[in-house]
Amino acid sequence: MPKRILSGRVTSDKMDKTITVLVDRRVMHPLYKKFIRRSKKYAAHDELNECKVGDTVRIEECAPISKRKTWAVISRNGESVAGSSSGVAA
């Protein structure tokens, strides 16, 4: 099964090698047929601590790194990250 890839905005970079990414999506309300914004925060692995608050990042599903962290950063502001998901070590 292919790994999921999401894109979102960095909301926190205070942790070491971890960022919090806010991912927005639009879903249609089942009864009123109006589009509603839904968002969720994901903890993602940032090996080199490059990402800063406000950056647009793409994250990819990976093997669990810790209790909450199962995503890794693959690109930041449109350019790929050097320590991408292939070299993730817990």
C-alpha atoms as a PDB file:
ATOM      1  CA  MET A   1       0.000   0.000   0.000  1.00  0.00           C
ATOM      2  CA  PRO A   2       1.437   3.428  -0.884  1.00  0.00           C
ATOM      3  CA  LYS A   3       2.419   5.839   1.854  1.00  0.00           C
ATOM      4  CA  ARG A   4       0.067   8.760   2.398  1.00  0.00           C
ATOM      5  CA  ILE A   5       1.410  12.253   1.716  1.00  0.00           C
ATOM      6  CA  LEU A   6      -0.172  15.333   3.296  1.00  0.00           C
ATOM      7  CA  SER A   7       0.665  19.018   3.023  1.00  0.00           C
ATOM      8  CA  GLY A   8       0.185  21.593   5.724  1.00  0.00           C
ATOM      9  CA  ARG A   9       1.619  24.498   7.690  1.00  0.00           C
ATOM     10  CA  VAL A  10       4.098  24.278  10.578  1.00  0.00           C
ATOM     11  CA  THR A  11       2.530  25.553  13.800  1.00  0.00           C
ATOM     12  CA  SER A  12       5.258  24.604  16.288  1.00  0.00           C
ATOM     13  CA  ASP A  13       8.979  23.843  16.113  1.00  0.00           C
ATOM     14  CA  LYS A  14       9.809  23.935  19.829  1.00  0.00           C
ATOM     15  CA  MET A  15      10.600  20.223  20.141  1.00  0.00           C
ATOM     16  CA  ASP A  16      13.925  18.691  19.134  1.00  0.00           C
ATOM     17  CA  LYS A  17      13.692  16.972  15.705  1.00  0.00           C
ATOM     18  CA  THR A  18       9.884  17.270  15.783  1.00  0.00           C
ATOM     19  CA  ILE A  19       7.445  19.757  14.295  1.00  0.00           C
ATOM     20  CA  THR A  20       3.681  20.099  14.565  1.00  0.00           C
ATOM     21  CA  VAL A  21       1.905  20.374  11.211  1.00  0.00           C
ATOM     22  CA  LEU A  22      -1.644  21.674  10.780  1.00  0.00           C
ATOM     23  CA  VAL A  23      -3.365  19.993   7.831  1.00  0.00           C
ATOM     24  CA  ASP A  24      -6.594  21.556   6.516  1.00  0.00           C
ATOM     25  CA  ARG A  25      -9.129  19.716   4.392  1.00  0.00           C
ATOM     26  CA  ARG A  26     -12.565  20.549   3.019  1.00  0.00           C
ATOM     27  CA  VAL A  27     -15.443  18.120   3.509  1.00  0.00           C
ATOM     28  CA  MET A  28     -19.028  18.383   2.386  1.00  0.00           C
ATOM     29  CA  HIS A  29     -21.696  18.418   5.079  1.00  0.00           C
ATOM     30  CA  PRO A  30     -23.906  15.360   4.556  1.00  0.00           C
ATOM     31  CA  LEU A  31     -27.223  17.159   5.023  1.00  0.00           C
ATOM     32  CA  TYR A  32     -26.615  20.791   4.012  1.00  0.00           C
ATOM     33  CA  LYS A  33     -24.122  20.060   1.172  1.00  0.00           C
ATOM     34  CA  LYS A  34     -21.948  22.977   2.267  1.00  0.00           C
ATOM     35  CA  PHE A  35     -18.161  22.638   2.342  1.00  0.00           C
ATOM     36  CA  ILE A  36     -16.705  22.824   5.855  1.00  0.00           C
ATOM     37  CA  ARG A  37     -13.040  23.229   6.842  1.00  0.00           C
ATOM     38  CA  ARG A  38     -11.687  20.456   9.035  1.00  0.00           C
ATOM     39  CA  SER A  39      -8.159  20.499  10.414  1.00  0.00           C
ATOM     40  CA  LYS A  40      -5.904  18.144  12.315  1.00  0.00           C
ATOM     41  CA  LYS A  41      -2.432  18.448  13.818  1.00  0.00           C
ATOM     42  CA  TYR A  42       0.269  15.862  13.161  1.00  0.00           C
ATOM     43  CA  ALA A  43       3.652  15.439  14.834  1.00  0.00           C
ATOM     44  CA  ALA A  44       6.303  14.996  12.125  1.00  0.00           C
ATOM     45  CA  HIS A  45       9.993  14.088  12.240  1.00  0.00           C
ATOM     46  CA  ASP A  46      12.384  16.865  11.159  1.00  0.00           C
ATOM     47  CA  GLU A  47      15.878  15.365  11.404  1.00  0.00           C
ATOM     48  CA  LEU A  48      17.870  18.563  10.809  1.00  0.00           C
ATOM     49  CA  ASN A  49      15.533  21.012  12.632  1.00  0.00           C
ATOM     50  CA  GLU A  50      15.210  23.059   9.404  1.00  0.00           C
ATOM     51  CA  CYS A  51      11.484  23.798   9.483  1.00  0.00           C
ATOM     52  CA  LYS A  52      10.269  26.992  11.127  1.00  0.00           C
ATOM     53  CA  VAL A  53       6.788  28.187  12.118  1.00  0.00           C
ATOM     54  CA  GLY A  54       4.823  29.257   9.045  1.00  0.00           C
ATOM     55  CA  ASP A  55       6.635  27.015   6.536  1.00  0.00           C
ATOM     56  CA  THR A  56       4.560  24.955   4.111  1.00  0.00           C
ATOM     57  CA  VAL A  57       5.662  21.326   4.336  1.00  0.00           C
ATOM     58  CA  ARG A  58       4.779  17.943   2.848  1.00  0.00           C
ATOM     59  CA  ILE A  59       4.826  14.997   5.236  1.00  0.00           C
ATOM     60  CA  GLU A  60       4.893  11.290   4.452  1.00  0.00           C
ATOM     61  CA  GLU A  61       3.684   8.368   6.506  1.00  0.00           C
ATOM     62  CA  CYS A  62       6.510   6.278   7.997  1.00  0.00           C
ATOM     63  CA  ALA A  63       7.159   3.588  10.596  1.00  0.00           C
ATOM     64  CA  PRO A  64       6.482   4.749  14.171  1.00  0.00           C
ATOM     65  CA  ILE A  65       9.343   6.836  15.540  1.00  0.00           C
ATOM     66  CA  SER A  66       7.712   7.464  18.919  1.00  0.00           C
ATOM     67  CA  LYS A  67       4.258   7.253  20.516  1.00  0.00           C
ATOM     68  CA  ARG A  68       2.793  10.164  18.484  1.00  0.00           C
ATOM     69  CA  LYS A  69       5.269  10.509  15.640  1.00  0.00           C
ATOM     70  CA  THR A  70       4.506   8.441  12.528  1.00  0.00           C
ATOM     71  CA  TRP A  71       5.119  11.121   9.875  1.00  0.00           C
ATOM     72  CA  ALA A  72       8.348  12.482   8.362  1.00  0.00           C
ATOM     73  CA  VAL A  73       9.004  15.736   6.483  1.00  0.00           C
ATOM     74  CA  ILE A  74       9.817  15.189   2.801  1.00  0.00           C
ATOM     75  CA  SER A  75       9.764  18.770   1.482  1.00  0.00           C
ATOM     76  CA  ARG A  76       9.804  22.296   2.884  1.00  0.00           C
ATOM     77  CA  ASN A  77       8.521  25.309   0.901  1.00  0.00           C
ATOM     78  CA  GLY A  78       8.605  23.266  -2.319  1.00  0.00           C
ATOM     79  CA  GLU A  79      12.188  21.989  -2.036  1.00  0.00           C
ATOM     80  CA  SER A  80      13.108  18.518  -0.798  1.00  0.00           C
ATOM     81  CA  VAL A  81      14.657  18.029   2.616  1.00  0.00           C
ATOM     82  CA  ALA A  82      18.131  16.424   2.882  1.00  0.00           C
ATOM     83  CA  GLY A  83      17.262  14.015   5.736  1.00  0.00           C
ATOM     84  CA  SER A  84      14.060  12.728   4.144  1.00  0.00           C
ATOM     85  CA  SER A  85      12.025   9.719   5.248  1.00  0.00           C
ATOM     86  CA  SER A  86      14.318   7.113   3.711  1.00  0.00           C
ATOM     87  CA  GLY A  87      16.985   7.811   6.334  1.00  0.00           C
ATOM     88  CA  VAL A  88      14.719   8.010   9.379  1.00  0.00           C
ATOM     89  CA  ALA A  89      16.256   6.270  12.371  1.00  0.00           C
ATOM     90  CA  ALA A  90      14.520   6.140  15.724  1.00  0.00           C
END
